[in-house]
Amino acid sequence: MEKQTLPNSTLILVFGILSILGCCCYGIPGIIFGIIAIVLSKKAQQLYLENPEIYSGYKNVEAGKIMAIIGLVLSLIFLIYMVYMLIAHGGIEGLQEYQREIMEQYGMEYQIE
């Protein structure tokens, strides 16, 4: 009997990778992809543990889950950092003024587009 691939095993792996990449986009996409990958991996893990001799592709599920956890943590850290920066500098205007000061300190021209 030929083994079947676990449902969504490749999708879990892709979402795990996207959760790590999504942490650079203010953290929101990384959180979304990370949560989806963790939920899907939980279902796939339960399915695999019921009949391990029927399914293959469990390593993709494990790798995707690990990457999703890493991406989720990084995204949460980045999101908390962005909220802190907004609060500490008085909103968007304060953050832009802070960026202007930093760029002028290094002799770069600051332009808002």
C-alpha atoms as a PDB file:
ATOM      1  CA  MET A   1       0.000   0.000   0.000  1.00  0.00           C
ATOM      2  CA  GLU A   2       1.370   3.398  -1.009  1.00  0.00           C
ATOM      3  CA  LYS A   3       1.618   6.094   1.647  1.00  0.00           C
ATOM      4  CA  GLN A   4      -0.495   9.223   1.285  1.00  0.00           C
ATOM      5  CA  THR A   5       0.909  12.665   1.858  1.00  0.00           C
ATOM      6  CA  LEU A   6      -0.492  14.373   4.927  1.00  0.00           C
ATOM      7  CA  PRO A   7      -3.119  16.953   3.991  1.00  0.00           C
ATOM      8  CA  ASN A   8      -1.727  20.505   4.019  1.00  0.00           C
ATOM      9  CA  SER A   9       1.831  19.390   4.867  1.00  0.00           C
ATOM     10  CA  THR A  10       3.364  21.570   2.153  1.00  0.00           C
ATOM     11  CA  LEU A  11       1.007  24.444   2.990  1.00  0.00           C
ATOM     12  CA  ILE A  12       2.095  24.313   6.631  1.00  0.00           C
ATOM     13  CA  LEU A  13       5.728  24.506   5.554  1.00  0.00           C
ATOM     14  CA  VAL A  14       5.045  27.467   3.249  1.00  0.00           C
ATOM     15  CA  PHE A  15       3.030  29.305   5.922  1.00  0.00           C
ATOM     16  CA  GLY A  16       5.855  28.702   8.416  1.00  0.00           C
ATOM     17  CA  ILE A  17       8.317  30.327   6.022  1.00  0.00           C
ATOM     18  CA  LEU A  18       5.908  33.200   5.339  1.00  0.00           C
ATOM     19  CA  SER A  19       5.480  33.800   9.063  1.00  0.00           C
ATOM     20  CA  ILE A  20       9.222  34.391   9.388  1.00  0.00           C
ATOM     21  CA  LEU A  21       9.268  36.664   6.343  1.00  0.00           C
ATOM     22  CA  GLY A  22       6.092  38.431   7.489  1.00  0.00           C
ATOM     23  CA  CYS A  23       7.667  39.655  10.702  1.00  0.00           C
ATOM     24  CA  CYS A  24       9.401  42.369   8.653  1.00  0.00           C
ATOM     25  CA  CYS A  25       6.046  43.836   7.542  1.00  0.00           C
ATOM     26  CA  TYR A  26       5.146  45.400  10.898  1.00  0.00           C
ATOM     27  CA  GLY A  27       4.523  41.916  12.333  1.00  0.00           C
ATOM     28  CA  ILE A  28       0.879  41.527  11.294  1.00  0.00           C
ATOM     29  CA  PRO A  29       1.323  39.094   8.359  1.00  0.00           C
ATOM     30  CA  GLY A  30       3.774  37.041  10.399  1.00  0.00           C
ATOM     31  CA  ILE A  31       1.256  36.668  13.209  1.00  0.00           C
ATOM     32  CA  ILE A  32      -1.524  35.661  10.801  1.00  0.00           C
ATOM     33  CA  PHE A  33       0.565  33.088   8.896  1.00  0.00           C
ATOM     34  CA  GLY A  34       2.085  31.757  12.123  1.00  0.00           C
ATOM     35  CA  ILE A  35      -1.275  31.141  13.796  1.00  0.00           C
ATOM     36  CA  ILE A  36      -2.718  29.476  10.688  1.00  0.00           C
ATOM     37  CA  ALA A  37       0.340  27.220  10.340  1.00  0.00           C
ATOM     38  CA  ILE A  38       0.216  26.189  14.006  1.00  0.00           C
ATOM     39  CA  VAL A  39      -3.507  25.343  13.838  1.00  0.00           C
ATOM     40  CA  LEU A  40      -3.077  23.346  10.618  1.00  0.00           C
ATOM     41  CA  SER A  41      -0.051  21.531  12.016  1.00  0.00           C
ATOM     42  CA  LYS A  42      -2.003  20.543  15.136  1.00  0.00           C
ATOM     43  CA  LYS A  43      -4.695  18.945  12.947  1.00  0.00           C
ATOM     44  CA  ALA A  44      -2.114  17.218  10.736  1.00  0.00           C
ATOM     45  CA  GLN A  45      -0.247  15.932  13.775  1.00  0.00           C
ATOM     46  CA  GLN A  46      -3.420  14.409  15.239  1.00  0.00           C
ATOM     47  CA  LEU A  47      -4.186  12.764  11.897  1.00  0.00           C
ATOM     48  CA  TYR A  48      -0.667  11.365  11.620  1.00  0.00           C
ATOM     49  CA  LEU A  49      -0.600  10.013  15.171  1.00  0.00           C
ATOM     50  CA  GLU A  50      -3.854   8.092  14.565  1.00  0.00           C
ATOM     51  CA  ASN A  51      -2.370   6.179  11.575  1.00  0.00           C
ATOM     52  CA  PRO A  52       1.373   6.812  11.137  1.00  0.00           C
ATOM     53  CA  GLU A  53       1.793   3.919   8.697  1.00  0.00           C
ATOM     54  CA  ILE A  54      -0.634   5.477   6.181  1.00  0.00           C
ATOM     55  CA  TYR A  55       0.834   8.989   5.886  1.00  0.00           C
ATOM     56  CA  SER A  56       4.121  10.525   4.807  1.00  0.00           C
ATOM     57  CA  GLY A  57       5.287  14.139   4.930  1.00  0.00           C
ATOM     58  CA  TYR A  58       5.310  14.508   8.692  1.00  0.00           C
ATOM     59  CA  LYS A  59       8.741  16.161   8.605  1.00  0.00           C
ATOM     60  CA  ASN A  60       7.261  19.029   6.572  1.00  0.00           C
ATOM     61  CA  VAL A  61       4.638  19.483   9.264  1.00  0.00           C
ATOM     62  CA  GLU A  62       7.250  19.518  12.044  1.00  0.00           C
ATOM     63  CA  ALA A  63       9.516  21.968  10.176  1.00  0.00           C
ATOM     64  CA  GLY A  64       6.576  24.225   9.330  1.00  0.00           C
ATOM     65  CA  LYS A  65       5.400  24.250  12.938  1.00  0.00           C
ATOM     66  CA  ILE A  66       8.859  25.157  14.235  1.00  0.00           C
ATOM     67  CA  MET A  67       9.205  27.965  11.676  1.00  0.00           C
ATOM     68  CA  ALA A  68       5.698  29.198  12.496  1.00  0.00           C
ATOM     69  CA  ILE A  69       6.561  29.413  16.194  1.00  0.00           C
ATOM     70  CA  ILE A  70       9.784  31.291  15.415  1.00  0.00           C
ATOM     71  CA  GLY A  71       7.946  33.619  13.019  1.00  0.00           C
ATOM     72  CA  LEU A  72       5.174  34.227  15.542  1.00  0.00           C
ATOM     73  CA  VAL A  73       7.633  35.151  18.284  1.00  0.00           C
ATOM     74  CA  LEU A  74       9.637  37.452  15.986  1.00  0.00           C
ATOM     75  CA  SER A  75       6.445  39.095  14.721  1.00  0.00           C
ATOM     76  CA  LEU A  76       5.156  39.706  18.231  1.00  0.00           C
ATOM     77  CA  ILE A  77       8.485  41.213  19.283  1.00  0.00           C
ATOM     78  CA  PHE A  78       8.533  43.492  16.235  1.00  0.00           C
ATOM     79  CA  LEU A  79       4.900  44.529  16.724  1.00  0.00           C
ATOM     80  CA  ILE A  80       5.513  45.364  20.386  1.00  0.00           C
ATOM     81  CA  TYR A  81       8.602  47.341  19.369  1.00  0.00           C
ATOM     82  CA  MET A  82       6.635  49.324  16.764  1.00  0.00           C
ATOM     83  CA  VAL A  83       3.873  50.141  19.260  1.00  0.00           C
ATOM     84  CA  TYR A  84       6.512  51.229  21.785  1.00  0.00           C
ATOM     85  CA  MET A  85       8.189  53.484  19.196  1.00  0.00           C
ATOM     86  CA  LEU A  86       4.858  55.088  18.322  1.00  0.00           C
ATOM     87  CA  ILE A  87       3.998  55.725  21.960  1.00  0.00           C
ATOM     88  CA  ALA A  88       7.484  56.896  22.954  1.00  0.00           C
ATOM     89  CA  HIS A  89       7.755  59.434  20.132  1.00  0.00           C
ATOM     90  CA  GLY A  90       4.240  60.831  20.202  1.00  0.00           C
ATOM     91  CA  GLY A  91       2.639  59.154  17.219  1.00  0.00           C
ATOM     92  CA  ILE A  92       3.514  59.181  13.532  1.00  0.00           C
ATOM     93  CA  GLU A  93       4.610  62.831  13.507  1.00  0.00           C
ATOM     94  CA  GLY A  94       6.957  62.312  16.426  1.00  0.00           C
ATOM     95  CA  LEU A  95       8.397  59.197  14.824  1.00  0.00           C
ATOM     96  CA  GLN A  96       9.027  61.101  11.572  1.00  0.00           C
ATOM     97  CA  GLU A  97      10.734  63.890  13.512  1.00  0.00           C
ATOM     98  CA  TYR A  98      12.923  61.305  15.264  1.00  0.00           C
ATOM     99  CA  GLN A  99      13.843  59.782  11.888  1.00  0.00           C
ATOM    100  CA  ARG A 100      14.653  63.250  10.519  1.00  0.00           C
ATOM    101  CA  GLU A 101      16.996  63.927  13.454  1.00  0.00           C
ATOM    102  CA  ILE A 102      18.797  60.624  12.988  1.00  0.00           C
ATOM    103  CA  MET A 103      19.259  61.180   9.253  1.00  0.00           C
ATOM    104  CA  GLU A 104      20.507  64.752   9.742  1.00  0.00           C
ATOM    105  CA  GLN A 105      22.967  63.462  12.323  1.00  0.00           C
ATOM    106  CA  TYR A 106      24.524  61.233   9.652  1.00  0.00           C
ATOM    107  CA  GLY A 107      24.446  63.942   6.987  1.00  0.00           C
ATOM    108  CA  MET A 108      21.654  62.456   4.886  1.00  0.00           C
ATOM    109  CA  GLU A 109      18.793  64.388   3.371  1.00  0.00           C
ATOM    110  CA  TYR A 110      15.332  63.578   4.709  1.00  0.00           C
ATOM    111  CA  GLN A 111      12.431  63.541   2.277  1.00  0.00           C
ATOM    112  CA  ILE A 112       8.802  62.647   2.879  1.00  0.00           C
ATOM    113  CA  GLU A 113       7.064  61.307  -0.203  1.00  0.00           C
END
